[in-house]
Amino acid sequence: MLRLAPLPASYKPRVSAGEAYQAYLAAGVYEYARRYAVPHARLASFTDFGNGTPAADGSLNLAYRDAPEWVITFHDVPDGGSGPAALPSAPRPSRHVELHDVVVIVSAETGVEQMVLSDVPDVPPREPPSDLAPPG
């Protein structure tokens, strides 16, 4: 589960939106998205609740917690639909195409691409785990 939240208005990124876009292109993941959609870049505080290293107490030390990131989004990009894997002896099902949103996360501090995601649009958001929710 991921969370994107606003950054403080005073935050100034070390990496420009253009440099973040160039990092996306250099990585070569879903680079074809730019042929189908106009990219939208915005700054956000990024937390990934499912990525990290185990701590001694059994909790998870998050790899990205409130990290300042450029979020570059491409809407309605054709991508292969996913489904269960076929058995090696079974005929391969034809791959169907769905329109996905492609989301690129690039560090606003270093310009390093953190991840690229592709998912169907309008997936309803879920609340973060209560022990990791922001105070409020």
C-alpha atoms as a PDB file:
ATOM      1  CA  MET A   1       0.000   0.000   0.000  1.00  0.00           C
ATOM      2  CA  LEU A   2       1.291   3.437  -0.935  1.00  0.00           C
ATOM      3  CA  ARG A   3       0.467   6.872   0.428  1.00  0.00           C
ATOM      4  CA  LEU A   4       0.974  10.185  -1.355  1.00  0.00           C
ATOM      5  CA  ALA A   5       0.502  13.329   0.696  1.00  0.00           C
ATOM      6  CA  PRO A   6       1.224  17.022   0.203  1.00  0.00           C
ATOM      7  CA  LEU A   7       4.697  18.309   1.030  1.00  0.00           C
ATOM      8  CA  PRO A   8       5.168  21.489   3.066  1.00  0.00           C
ATOM      9  CA  ALA A   9       4.774  24.581   0.875  1.00  0.00           C
ATOM     10  CA  SER A  10       8.326  25.589   1.802  1.00  0.00           C
ATOM     11  CA  TYR A  11       9.882  22.424   0.338  1.00  0.00           C
ATOM     12  CA  LYS A  12      12.270  23.076  -2.572  1.00  0.00           C
ATOM     13  CA  PRO A  13      13.295  19.991  -4.588  1.00  0.00           C
ATOM     14  CA  ARG A  14      16.943  19.488  -5.529  1.00  0.00           C
ATOM     15  CA  VAL A  15      15.814  17.820  -8.757  1.00  0.00           C
ATOM     16  CA  SER A  16      13.514  19.548 -11.259  1.00  0.00           C
ATOM     17  CA  ALA A  17      10.442  17.941 -12.807  1.00  0.00           C
ATOM     18  CA  GLY A  18      12.343  17.816 -16.117  1.00  0.00           C
ATOM     19  CA  GLU A  19      15.270  15.990 -14.526  1.00  0.00           C
ATOM     20  CA  ALA A  20      12.844  13.526 -12.907  1.00  0.00           C
ATOM     21  CA  TYR A  21      11.261  12.892 -16.308  1.00  0.00           C
ATOM     22  CA  GLN A  22      14.699  12.249 -17.818  1.00  0.00           C
ATOM     23  CA  ALA A  23      15.383   9.699 -15.029  1.00  0.00           C
ATOM     24  CA  TYR A  24      12.158   7.917 -16.006  1.00  0.00           C
ATOM     25  CA  LEU A  25      13.227   7.826 -19.663  1.00  0.00           C
ATOM     26  CA  ALA A  26      16.721   6.593 -18.781  1.00  0.00           C
ATOM     27  CA  ALA A  27      15.318   3.694 -16.733  1.00  0.00           C
ATOM     28  CA  GLY A  28      13.466   2.366 -19.790  1.00  0.00           C
ATOM     29  CA  VAL A  29      10.469   0.987 -17.872  1.00  0.00           C
ATOM     30  CA  TYR A  30       7.113   1.691 -19.545  1.00  0.00           C
ATOM     31  CA  GLU A  31       8.912   4.218 -21.739  1.00  0.00           C
ATOM     32  CA  TYR A  32       6.182   3.770 -24.352  1.00  0.00           C
ATOM     33  CA  ALA A  33       3.659   5.467 -22.014  1.00  0.00           C
ATOM     34  CA  ARG A  34       4.693   8.846 -23.405  1.00  0.00           C
ATOM     35  CA  ARG A  35       3.336   7.834 -26.824  1.00  0.00           C
ATOM     36  CA  TYR A  36      -0.174   7.456 -25.395  1.00  0.00           C
ATOM     37  CA  ALA A  37      -0.496  10.105 -22.709  1.00  0.00           C
ATOM     38  CA  VAL A  38       0.804  13.464 -21.582  1.00  0.00           C
ATOM     39  CA  PRO A  39       2.814  13.150 -18.357  1.00  0.00           C
ATOM     40  CA  HIS A  40       1.652  15.018 -15.262  1.00  0.00           C
ATOM     41  CA  ALA A  41       4.353  15.667 -12.636  1.00  0.00           C
ATOM     42  CA  ARG A  42       3.726  16.756  -9.070  1.00  0.00           C
ATOM     43  CA  LEU A  43       5.644  16.737  -5.834  1.00  0.00           C
ATOM     44  CA  ALA A  44       4.432  14.555  -2.985  1.00  0.00           C
ATOM     45  CA  SER A  45       5.465  12.991   0.283  1.00  0.00           C
ATOM     46  CA  PHE A  46       5.680   9.257  -0.460  1.00  0.00           C
ATOM     47  CA  THR A  47       5.316   6.318   1.927  1.00  0.00           C
ATOM     48  CA  ASP A  48       5.409   2.667   0.846  1.00  0.00           C
ATOM     49  CA  PHE A  49       3.896   0.502   3.587  1.00  0.00           C
ATOM     50  CA  GLY A  50       4.977  -2.751   1.913  1.00  0.00           C
ATOM     51  CA  ASN A  51       8.649  -2.152   1.147  1.00  0.00           C
ATOM     52  CA  GLY A  52      11.397  -2.262   3.736  1.00  0.00           C
ATOM     53  CA  THR A  53      13.542  -4.427   5.942  1.00  0.00           C
ATOM     54  CA  PRO A  54      12.456  -6.425   8.997  1.00  0.00           C
ATOM     55  CA  ALA A  55      13.340  -4.924  12.367  1.00  0.00           C
ATOM     56  CA  ALA A  56      14.388  -6.988  15.386  1.00  0.00           C
ATOM     57  CA  ASP A  57      10.969  -6.459  17.013  1.00  0.00           C
ATOM     58  CA  GLY A  58       9.172  -7.886  13.967  1.00  0.00           C
ATOM     59  CA  SER A  59       8.042  -4.547  12.597  1.00  0.00           C
ATOM     60  CA  LEU A  60       9.061  -3.209   9.193  1.00  0.00           C
ATOM     61  CA  ASN A  61      11.599  -0.421   8.707  1.00  0.00           C
ATOM     62  CA  LEU A  62      10.005   1.287   5.739  1.00  0.00           C
ATOM     63  CA  ALA A  63      12.247   1.981   2.762  1.00  0.00           C
ATOM     64  CA  TYR A  64      10.214   5.091   1.885  1.00  0.00           C
ATOM     65  CA  ARG A  65       8.484   7.028   4.655  1.00  0.00           C
ATOM     66  CA  ASP A  66       7.407  10.596   3.930  1.00  0.00           C
ATOM     67  CA  ALA A  67      10.106  10.809   1.237  1.00  0.00           C
ATOM     68  CA  PRO A  68       9.924  13.839  -1.082  1.00  0.00           C
ATOM     69  CA  GLU A  69       9.288  12.450  -4.553  1.00  0.00           C
ATOM     70  CA  TRP A  70       8.265  13.504  -8.015  1.00  0.00           C
ATOM     71  CA  VAL A  71       5.161  11.547  -9.029  1.00  0.00           C
ATOM     72  CA  ILE A  72       4.842  11.384 -12.808  1.00  0.00           C
ATOM     73  CA  THR A  73       1.515  10.006 -14.004  1.00  0.00           C
ATOM     74  CA  PHE A  74       0.386   8.872 -17.440  1.00  0.00           C
ATOM     75  CA  HIS A  75      -3.359   8.170 -17.715  1.00  0.00           C
ATOM     76  CA  ASP A  76      -5.017   5.556 -19.928  1.00  0.00           C
ATOM     77  CA  VAL A  77      -1.955   3.775 -21.280  1.00  0.00           C
ATOM     78  CA  PRO A  78      -2.574   0.408 -23.006  1.00  0.00           C
ATOM     79  CA  ASP A  79      -1.010  -2.409 -20.991  1.00  0.00           C
ATOM     80  CA  GLY A  80      -1.408  -6.165 -20.830  1.00  0.00           C
ATOM     81  CA  GLY A  81      -4.001  -7.392 -18.380  1.00  0.00           C
ATOM     82  CA  SER A  82      -2.801  -9.780 -15.718  1.00  0.00           C
ATOM     83  CA  GLY A  83      -4.235 -13.062 -14.636  1.00  0.00           C
ATOM     84  CA  PRO A  84      -3.297 -16.480 -13.323  1.00  0.00           C
ATOM     85  CA  ALA A  85      -0.260 -18.163 -14.849  1.00  0.00           C
ATOM     86  CA  ALA A  86      -0.977 -20.982 -17.270  1.00  0.00           C
ATOM     87  CA  LEU A  87       0.421 -24.461 -16.743  1.00  0.00           C
ATOM     88  CA  PRO A  88       3.366 -25.186 -19.074  1.00  0.00           C
ATOM     89  CA  SER A  89       1.310 -27.847 -20.896  1.00  0.00           C
ATOM     90  CA  ALA A  90      -1.772 -25.624 -21.270  1.00  0.00           C
ATOM     91  CA  PRO A  91      -2.317 -23.412 -24.289  1.00  0.00           C
ATOM     92  CA  ARG A  92      -1.253 -19.856 -23.586  1.00  0.00           C
ATOM     93  CA  PRO A  93      -4.232 -17.530 -23.260  1.00  0.00           C
ATOM     94  CA  SER A  94      -4.266 -14.536 -25.547  1.00  0.00           C
ATOM     95  CA  ARG A  95      -3.066 -11.439 -23.798  1.00  0.00           C
ATOM     96  CA  HIS A  96      -5.766  -8.827 -23.427  1.00  0.00           C
ATOM     97  CA  VAL A  97      -5.068  -5.129 -23.276  1.00  0.00           C
ATOM     98  CA  GLU A  98      -6.477  -2.773 -20.661  1.00  0.00           C
ATOM     99  CA  LEU A  99      -6.062   0.942 -20.143  1.00  0.00           C
ATOM    100  CA  HIS A 100      -3.841   1.532 -17.117  1.00  0.00           C
ATOM    101  CA  ASP A 101      -2.414   4.488 -15.293  1.00  0.00           C
ATOM    102  CA  VAL A 102       1.378   4.381 -15.209  1.00  0.00           C
ATOM    103  CA  VAL A 103       2.875   6.088 -12.154  1.00  0.00           C
ATOM    104  CA  VAL A 104       6.585   6.830 -11.884  1.00  0.00           C
ATOM    105  CA  ILE A 105       8.156   7.708  -8.515  1.00  0.00           C
ATOM    106  CA  VAL A 106      11.457   9.653  -8.704  1.00  0.00           C
ATOM    107  CA  SER A 107      13.351  11.060  -5.721  1.00  0.00           C
ATOM    108  CA  ALA A 108      13.092  14.845  -5.588  1.00  0.00           C
ATOM    109  CA  GLU A 109      16.421  14.844  -3.715  1.00  0.00           C
ATOM    110  CA  THR A 110      18.590  12.526  -5.841  1.00  0.00           C
ATOM    111  CA  GLY A 111      16.770  12.094  -9.163  1.00  0.00           C
ATOM    112  CA  VAL A 112      16.835   8.303  -8.794  1.00  0.00           C
ATOM    113  CA  GLU A 113      13.776   6.452 -10.035  1.00  0.00           C
ATOM    114  CA  GLN A 114      12.307   4.553  -7.085  1.00  0.00           C
ATOM    115  CA  MET A 115       9.587   2.557  -8.847  1.00  0.00           C
ATOM    116  CA  VAL A 116       7.173   2.417 -11.744  1.00  0.00           C
ATOM    117  CA  LEU A 117       3.643   1.124 -11.273  1.00  0.00           C
ATOM    118  CA  SER A 118       0.908   0.208 -13.722  1.00  0.00           C
ATOM    119  CA  ASP A 119      -2.630  -0.331 -12.519  1.00  0.00           C
ATOM    120  CA  VAL A 120      -6.196   0.091 -13.671  1.00  0.00           C
ATOM    121  CA  PRO A 121      -7.424   3.640 -13.017  1.00  0.00           C
ATOM    122  CA  ASP A 122      -9.809   4.644 -10.279  1.00  0.00           C
ATOM    123  CA  VAL A 123      -8.830   1.908  -7.848  1.00  0.00           C
ATOM    124  CA  PRO A 124     -10.508   3.000  -4.595  1.00  0.00           C
ATOM    125  CA  PRO A 125      -7.935   4.145  -2.020  1.00  0.00           C
ATOM    126  CA  ARG A 126      -7.594   2.231   1.236  1.00  0.00           C
ATOM    127  CA  GLU A 127      -6.690   3.628   4.639  1.00  0.00           C
ATOM    128  CA  PRO A 128      -3.101   3.002   5.826  1.00  0.00           C
ATOM    129  CA  PRO A 129      -2.550   0.733   8.823  1.00  0.00           C
ATOM    130  CA  SER A 130      -3.501   2.598  12.004  1.00  0.00           C
ATOM    131  CA  ASP A 131      -0.003   2.319  13.495  1.00  0.00           C
ATOM    132  CA  LEU A 132       1.469   4.037  10.419  1.00  0.00           C
ATOM    133  CA  ALA A 133      -1.226   6.630   9.767  1.00  0.00           C
ATOM    134  CA  PRO A 134      -0.125  10.262   9.902  1.00  0.00           C
ATOM    135  CA  PRO A 135      -1.067  12.137  13.067  1.00  0.00           C
ATOM    136  CA  GLY A 136      -4.145  14.192  12.658  1.00  0.00           C
END
